[in-house]
């Protein structure tokens, strides 16, 4: 996976999990202690997410970090990038 694929994966996962949780960018930012601008940049794939920030996001979303990467679910071909 190259950096562009990684950015696309993380941005898509943040958006999907946030929307599944019924949160706005503003609400997620507040829960995670981040700025709305930062959440927007992460969702647009304009900046890579650090592990520290990803952990904050996962805590704010109420999911364990491994779940962000799909741990605990089977991955179909539709889920794979590229």
Protein backbone atom coordinates (compact mmCIF):
# COMPACT_ATOMS: atom_id res chain seq x y z
CA UNK A 1 0.00 0.00 0.00
CA UNK A 2 1.51 3.33 -0.98
CA UNK A 3 0.98 6.64 0.83
CA UNK A 4 -1.89 7.72 -1.44
CA UNK A 5 -3.74 4.47 -0.79
CA UNK A 6 -3.11 4.79 2.93
CA UNK A 7 -4.45 8.35 2.97
CA UNK A 8 -7.52 7.25 1.00
CA UNK A 9 -8.14 4.31 3.32
CA UNK A 10 -7.83 6.32 6.53
CA UNK A 11 -9.94 9.21 5.26
CA UNK A 12 -12.69 6.87 4.05
CA UNK A 13 -12.69 4.95 7.34
CA UNK A 14 -12.89 8.12 9.44
CA UNK A 15 -15.83 9.37 7.40
CA UNK A 16 -17.65 6.02 7.43
CA UNK A 17 -17.24 5.40 11.15
CA UNK A 18 -18.12 9.01 12.02
CA UNK A 19 -21.30 8.85 9.93
CA UNK A 20 -22.21 5.41 11.32
CA UNK A 21 -21.86 6.96 14.78
CA UNK A 22 -24.21 9.80 13.79
CA UNK A 23 -21.62 12.47 14.51
CA UNK A 24 -20.84 15.67 12.67
CA UNK A 25 -17.25 16.74 12.09
CA UNK A 26 -17.76 19.32 14.83
CA UNK A 27 -18.97 16.75 17.35
CA UNK A 28 -16.14 14.35 16.53
CA UNK A 29 -13.59 17.14 16.82
CA UNK A 30 -14.95 18.17 20.23
CA UNK A 31 -14.96 14.61 21.54
CA UNK A 32 -11.43 13.95 20.28
CA UNK A 33 -9.98 17.28 21.40
CA UNK A 34 -9.14 18.28 17.83
CA UNK A 35 -10.05 21.24 15.68
CA UNK A 36 -12.79 20.90 13.09
CA UNK A 37 -10.20 21.96 10.51
CA UNK A 38 -7.99 19.01 11.49
CA UNK A 39 -10.85 16.53 11.22
CA UNK A 40 -11.76 17.98 7.82
CA UNK A 41 -8.19 17.67 6.56
CA UNK A 42 -8.00 14.08 7.75
CA UNK A 43 -11.30 13.24 6.07
CA UNK A 44 -10.18 14.86 2.82
CA UNK A 45 -6.88 12.99 2.92
CA UNK A 46 -4.92 16.22 3.02
CA UNK A 47 -2.76 15.09 5.94
CA UNK A 48 -1.73 11.72 7.29
CA UNK A 49 -3.10 10.74 10.67
CA UNK A 50 -0.64 10.07 13.47
CA UNK A 51 -1.17 7.11 15.76
CA UNK A 52 -1.77 9.52 18.64
CA UNK A 53 -4.51 11.33 16.72
CA UNK A 54 -5.97 8.07 15.43
CA UNK A 55 -6.18 6.80 19.00
CA UNK A 56 -8.00 10.01 20.03
CA UNK A 57 -10.44 9.58 17.14
CA UNK A 58 -11.10 5.95 18.01
CA UNK A 59 -11.73 6.82 21.65
CA UNK A 60 -14.09 9.61 20.57
CA UNK A 61 -15.90 7.18 18.26
CA UNK A 62 -16.08 4.51 20.96
CA UNK A 63 -14.19 1.86 19.00
CA UNK A 64 -10.95 0.02 19.76
CA UNK A 65 -8.02 0.99 17.56
CA UNK A 66 -7.82 -2.44 15.84
CA UNK A 67 -11.47 -2.06 14.77
CA UNK A 68 -10.49 1.03 12.76
CA UNK A 69 -8.45 -1.25 10.54
CA UNK A 70 -11.22 -3.81 10.26
CA UNK A 71 -9.90 -6.28 12.82
CA UNK A 72 -12.58 -8.74 13.76
CA UNK A 73 -14.40 -8.70 10.45
CA UNK A 74 -13.82 -10.54 7.22
CA UNK A 75 -12.58 -8.45 4.33
CA UNK A 76 -14.23 -8.96 0.97
CA UNK A 77 -12.78 -7.93 -2.35
CA UNK A 78 -15.14 -4.94 -2.32
CA UNK A 79 -13.37 -3.64 0.80
CA UNK A 80 -9.89 -3.82 -0.70
CA UNK A 81 -8.32 -0.71 -2.22
CA UNK A 82 -6.74 -0.67 -5.64
